[in-house]
Protein backbone atom coordinates (compact mmCIF):
# COMPACT_ATOMS: atom_id res chain seq x y z
CA MET A 1 18.76 3.04 -1.70
CA ARG A 2 16.15 0.73 -0.24
CA LEU A 3 14.63 -2.37 -1.85
CA THR A 4 11.44 -3.94 -0.53
CA ILE A 5 10.53 -7.44 -1.67
CA LEU A 6 6.85 -7.43 -2.60
CA GLY A 7 6.90 -10.79 -4.37
CA ALA A 8 9.64 -13.36 -4.94
CA THR A 9 7.68 -16.50 -5.81
CA SER A 10 6.90 -18.01 -9.21
CA PRO A 11 4.93 -19.29 -10.95
CA VAL A 12 2.29 -19.97 -8.26
CA PRO A 13 2.49 -17.92 -5.05
CA GLY A 14 1.50 -19.61 -1.82
CA PRO A 15 -0.45 -17.98 1.03
CA GLY A 16 1.02 -14.55 1.81
CA GLU A 17 3.29 -14.68 -1.24
CA ALA A 18 3.25 -12.91 -4.61
CA ASN A 19 4.80 -13.16 -8.04
CA PRO A 20 7.90 -11.05 -8.76
CA GLY A 21 7.66 -7.39 -7.81
CA TYR A 22 10.04 -5.06 -5.99
CA LEU A 23 9.78 -1.53 -4.63
CA LEU A 24 12.95 0.50 -5.16
CA GLU A 25 13.34 3.73 -3.20
CA THR A 26 16.25 5.93 -4.19
CA ASN A 27 16.93 9.67 -4.41
CA GLY A 28 13.52 10.35 -2.87
CA GLU A 29 11.74 8.44 -5.66
CA ARG A 30 9.82 5.16 -5.68
CA TRP A 31 9.96 2.77 -8.63
CA LEU A 32 8.19 -0.56 -9.10
CA LEU A 33 10.28 -3.30 -10.73
CA ASP A 34 7.96 -5.87 -12.35
CA CYS A 35 4.32 -6.28 -11.44
CA GLY A 36 3.28 -9.91 -11.04
CA SER A 37 0.15 -11.31 -9.44
CA GLY A 38 -0.42 -10.04 -5.88
CA VAL A 39 2.17 -7.27 -6.10
CA ILE A 40 -0.15 -4.24 -6.06
CA SER A 41 -1.97 -5.35 -2.92
CA ARG A 42 1.34 -5.81 -1.12
CA LEU A 43 2.80 -2.58 -2.52
CA GLN A 44 0.13 -0.50 -0.81
CA ARG A 45 1.30 -1.74 2.57
CA TYR A 46 4.41 0.39 2.01
CA VAL A 47 3.44 3.25 -0.27
CA PRO A 48 0.16 4.59 -1.72
CA LEU A 49 -0.16 4.45 -5.51
CA SER A 50 -0.26 8.25 -5.54
CA GLN A 51 3.38 8.33 -4.43
CA LEU A 52 4.73 5.83 -6.96
CA ASN A 53 6.96 7.44 -9.62
CA GLY A 54 6.75 4.71 -12.25
CA CYS A 55 7.12 1.07 -13.19
CA LEU A 56 9.78 -0.87 -15.12
CA ILE A 57 8.99 -4.25 -16.68
CA THR A 58 11.72 -6.77 -17.52
CA HIS A 59 9.59 -8.93 -19.84
CA PHE A 60 6.00 -9.91 -20.54
CA HIS A 61 5.63 -13.36 -19.04
CA PRO A 62 2.42 -13.40 -16.94
CA ASP A 63 4.16 -13.84 -13.58
CA HIS A 64 5.91 -10.50 -14.14
CA ILE A 65 3.01 -8.42 -15.52
CA ALA A 66 -0.32 -9.83 -14.25
CA ASP A 67 -0.98 -6.90 -11.91
CA LEU A 68 -0.29 -4.21 -14.52
CA TRP A 69 -4.05 -3.95 -15.10
CA THR A 70 -4.75 -3.80 -11.37
CA LEU A 71 -2.19 -1.00 -11.15
CA SER A 72 -3.83 0.77 -14.08
CA PHE A 73 -7.30 0.66 -12.53
CA GLY A 74 -5.88 1.97 -9.25
CA LEU A 75 -4.12 4.84 -10.99
CA GLY A 76 -7.27 5.57 -12.99
CA ARG A 77 -9.24 6.10 -9.81
CA LEU A 78 -6.63 8.60 -8.61
CA PHE A 79 -6.69 10.57 -11.87
CA LEU A 80 -10.48 10.66 -12.03
CA ALA A 81 -10.60 11.87 -8.43
CA GLY A 82 -8.03 14.58 -9.14
CA GLN A 83 -5.52 13.01 -6.75
CA ARG A 84 -2.86 12.60 -9.40
CA GLU A 85 -2.12 14.86 -12.38
CA GLU A 86 1.11 13.64 -14.00
CA ARG A 87 0.87 10.73 -16.42
CA PHE A 88 2.28 7.51 -15.01
CA PRO A 89 5.32 6.11 -16.87
CA ILE A 90 5.67 2.38 -17.54
CA TYR A 91 8.81 1.18 -19.32
CA VAL A 92 8.41 -2.03 -21.34
CA PRO A 93 10.57 -4.11 -23.72
CA PRO A 94 10.59 -3.32 -27.45
CA GLY A 95 7.32 -4.22 -29.14
CA TYR A 96 5.34 -4.71 -25.95
CA ALA A 97 3.56 -1.38 -25.64
CA THR A 98 1.45 -2.56 -28.57
CA VAL A 99 0.91 -5.91 -26.84
CA PHE A 100 -0.26 -4.17 -23.67
CA TRP A 101 -2.76 -1.98 -25.52
CA GLU A 102 -4.10 -4.92 -27.55
CA LEU A 103 -4.60 -7.02 -24.43
CA THR A 104 -6.23 -4.08 -22.66
CA ASP A 105 -8.74 -3.72 -25.47
CA ARG A 106 -9.45 -7.45 -25.63
CA VAL A 107 -10.23 -7.78 -21.92
CA GLY A 108 -12.68 -4.89 -21.72
CA GLY A 109 -11.91 -2.08 -24.15
CA PHE A 110 -10.14 0.05 -21.57
CA SER A 111 -7.26 1.33 -23.71
CA SER A 112 -8.88 4.70 -24.41
CA LEU A 113 -9.31 5.34 -20.68
CA PHE A 114 -5.86 4.03 -19.75
CA ARG A 115 -4.15 6.09 -22.47
CA SER A 116 -5.37 9.25 -20.75
CA PHE A 117 -3.11 8.69 -17.76
CA LEU A 118 -0.54 6.00 -18.67
CA ASP A 119 2.63 6.74 -20.62
CA LEU A 120 4.04 3.47 -22.01
CA THR A 121 7.58 3.75 -23.32
CA GLU A 122 9.51 0.98 -25.05
CA TYR A 123 13.18 0.83 -24.09
CA ARG A 124 15.81 -0.65 -26.38
CA PRO A 125 18.71 -3.00 -25.59
CA HIS A 126 21.67 -1.04 -24.18
CA SER A 127 19.60 2.13 -23.95
CA THR A 128 20.07 4.54 -21.04
CA TRP A 129 17.21 6.51 -19.51
CA LEU A 130 17.13 9.24 -16.89
CA LEU A 131 14.14 8.46 -14.69
CA GLY A 132 13.83 11.49 -12.48
CA ARG A 133 17.17 11.36 -10.64
CA THR A 134 17.78 7.68 -11.34
CA VAL A 135 19.69 6.31 -14.35
CA ALA A 136 18.37 3.06 -15.86
CA GLU A 137 20.09 0.83 -18.42
CA PHE A 138 18.67 -2.29 -20.07
CA TYR A 139 20.56 -5.42 -21.10
CA PRO A 140 19.23 -8.53 -22.93
CA THR A 141 19.30 -11.67 -20.77
CA GLY A 142 18.60 -14.48 -23.25
CA HIS A 143 15.24 -15.33 -21.66
CA PRO A 144 12.25 -15.39 -24.09
CA LEU A 145 9.95 -12.44 -24.87
CA ALA A 146 12.67 -9.79 -25.19
CA ALA A 147 13.66 -10.11 -21.52
CA HIS A 148 16.07 -7.54 -20.12
CA ALA A 149 18.01 -6.99 -16.93
CA ILE A 150 17.76 -3.51 -15.46
CA ARG A 151 20.75 -1.64 -14.06
CA LEU A 152 19.74 1.28 -11.83
CA GLU A 153 22.04 3.93 -10.41
CA GLY A 154 20.78 6.40 -7.86
CA ASP A 155 22.40 7.07 -4.50
CA ARG A 156 23.72 3.48 -4.85
CA SER A 157 23.65 0.91 -7.66
CA LEU A 158 21.45 -2.14 -8.26
CA CYS A 159 21.03 -4.69 -11.02
CA TYR A 160 17.81 -6.69 -11.26
CA SER A 161 18.15 -9.73 -13.50
CA GLY A 162 14.50 -10.31 -14.31
CA ASP A 163 14.50 -13.82 -15.80
CA ALA A 164 17.89 -14.64 -17.25
CA THR A 165 20.34 -17.12 -18.74
CA LEU A 166 24.12 -17.33 -18.98
CA HIS A 167 23.78 -16.60 -22.70
CA GLY A 168 22.73 -12.98 -22.24
CA GLU A 169 24.50 -9.88 -20.97
CA LEU A 170 23.80 -10.12 -17.26
CA VAL A 171 27.47 -9.91 -16.25
CA ALA A 172 27.84 -6.61 -18.09
CA ALA A 173 24.58 -5.32 -16.60
CA ALA A 174 25.73 -6.15 -13.07
CA ALA A 175 29.34 -5.00 -13.33
CA HIS A 176 30.46 -3.69 -9.91
CA VAL A 177 26.96 -2.87 -8.64
CA ASP A 178 26.33 -2.70 -4.91
CA LEU A 179 23.50 -5.25 -5.13
CA LEU A 180 22.59 -7.90 -7.69
CA LEU A 181 18.99 -9.08 -7.31
CA CYS A 182 19.16 -12.27 -9.32
CA GLU A 183 16.71 -15.00 -10.16
CA ALA A 184 17.64 -18.55 -9.19
CA GLY A 185 14.52 -20.33 -10.35
CA ALA A 186 16.04 -23.46 -11.88
CA PRO A 187 16.83 -26.46 -9.64
CA ASP A 188 19.64 -27.76 -11.83
CA ALA A 189 21.58 -27.08 -15.02
CA ALA A 190 19.33 -29.25 -17.19
CA GLN A 191 16.21 -27.38 -16.07
CA ALA A 192 18.02 -24.07 -16.49
CA GLU A 193 18.77 -24.88 -20.12
CA GLU A 194 15.24 -26.11 -20.78
CA THR A 195 13.39 -23.25 -19.11
CA HIS A 196 15.87 -20.41 -19.83
CA HIS A 197 16.43 -19.64 -16.16
CA LEU A 198 19.40 -19.61 -13.78
CA THR A 199 20.35 -21.91 -10.94
CA ALA A 200 21.76 -20.51 -7.70
CA THR A 201 25.19 -21.65 -8.86
CA MET A 202 24.77 -19.72 -12.11
CA ALA A 203 23.61 -16.63 -10.25
CA ALA A 204 26.71 -16.88 -8.06
CA GLN A 205 28.88 -17.22 -11.16
CA VAL A 206 27.42 -14.01 -12.56
CA ALA A 207 27.91 -12.22 -9.22
CA ALA A 208 31.54 -13.32 -8.98
CA GLU A 209 32.38 -12.40 -12.58
CA ALA A 210 30.64 -9.04 -12.28
CA GLY A 211 32.33 -8.19 -8.98
CA VAL A 212 29.12 -7.20 -7.20
CA GLY A 213 29.02 -6.15 -3.57
CA GLU A 214 26.07 -8.32 -2.53
CA LEU A 215 23.92 -11.05 -4.09
CA ALA A 216 20.21 -11.44 -3.34
CA LEU A 217 18.58 -14.55 -4.83
CA THR A 218 14.92 -14.49 -5.85
CA HIS A 219 12.24 -16.14 -8.05
CA PHE A 220 11.60 -19.34 -6.07
CA LEU A 221 8.96 -22.01 -6.12
CA SER A 222 6.53 -21.70 -3.23
CA GLY A 223 7.79 -23.82 -0.33
CA GLU A 224 11.27 -24.20 -1.81
CA ASP A 225 14.23 -24.42 0.58
CA ARG A 226 15.69 -20.97 0.02
CA GLN A 227 18.55 -21.42 2.47
CA ALA A 228 19.76 -24.36 0.41
CA LYS A 229 20.01 -21.94 -2.53
CA VAL A 230 22.22 -19.67 -0.44
CA HIS A 231 24.54 -22.56 0.46
CA GLU A 232 24.72 -23.52 -3.22
CA ALA A 233 25.62 -19.97 -4.28
CA ALA A 234 28.22 -19.60 -1.52
CA ARG A 235 30.40 -22.22 -3.20
CA LEU A 236 31.18 -19.72 -5.96
CA PHE A 237 30.46 -16.30 -4.52
CA SER A 238 32.41 -15.22 -1.44
CA GLY A 239 30.52 -11.98 -0.81
CA ARG A 240 27.35 -11.50 1.17
CA CYS A 241 24.51 -13.65 -0.17
CA ARG A 242 20.87 -13.99 0.87
CA ALA A 243 17.67 -15.54 -0.42
CA VAL A 244 14.85 -13.02 -0.26
CA ARG A 245 11.24 -13.57 0.66
CA GLU A 246 8.17 -11.36 0.74
CA ASP A 247 8.46 -8.30 3.04
CA ASP A 248 12.26 -8.44 3.25
CA VAL A 249 13.88 -5.01 3.07
CA ILE A 250 17.43 -4.46 1.84
CA ALA A 251 18.91 -1.08 2.74
CA LEU A 252 22.08 -0.01 0.95
CA ALA A 253 23.77 2.72 2.97
């Protein structure tokens, strides 16, 4: 299992950065986790769109979905050129396939074209899906807009928090995974409560309670001191901890 950080910055990426987006390679397949602004440009540095197996979306806040339309136009060119035949699967939270199609119509009337090659599927809380040779499970996180964490099991196991709170089911989602990729976007507990995000301390609490092998912090403000987040998390989590940035690669052997 190999995870490439395409974007780890929110809400406004700085030069060379991108909103949340991650390339997961496992069992010979390639899955995109979230698709924020700048992600598709960076993705193509590692894999052509023709070799991408699908995309999973944690929730529909703009910093996690802005490049879905860029992705769709790129896939459309491949289908029209005969370079891709299978429909492209995108997994979205309950109720948001309709939202995607409505937005697509409102910004140019492209839904008829996109429907010819996109396959949008709404997952449900606690549902389990077999994506090729990878098993995906979805857990509510308490963040607005039906946000879900994604647990993925292939040759190794990974949990991606998306945006989360301590009031959701992130501990259950991350139970005993090899890697927890967890947002740490809030600077303090007050901001975490107000914005429905996690602090680094909260992410570490989840990691410790879930018994994960490794913690990777993500979802930072541009220019934020990421190493300070690691030091904060290390007070509660004794395992390996890192703060990711664009172009980092985590290989789980």
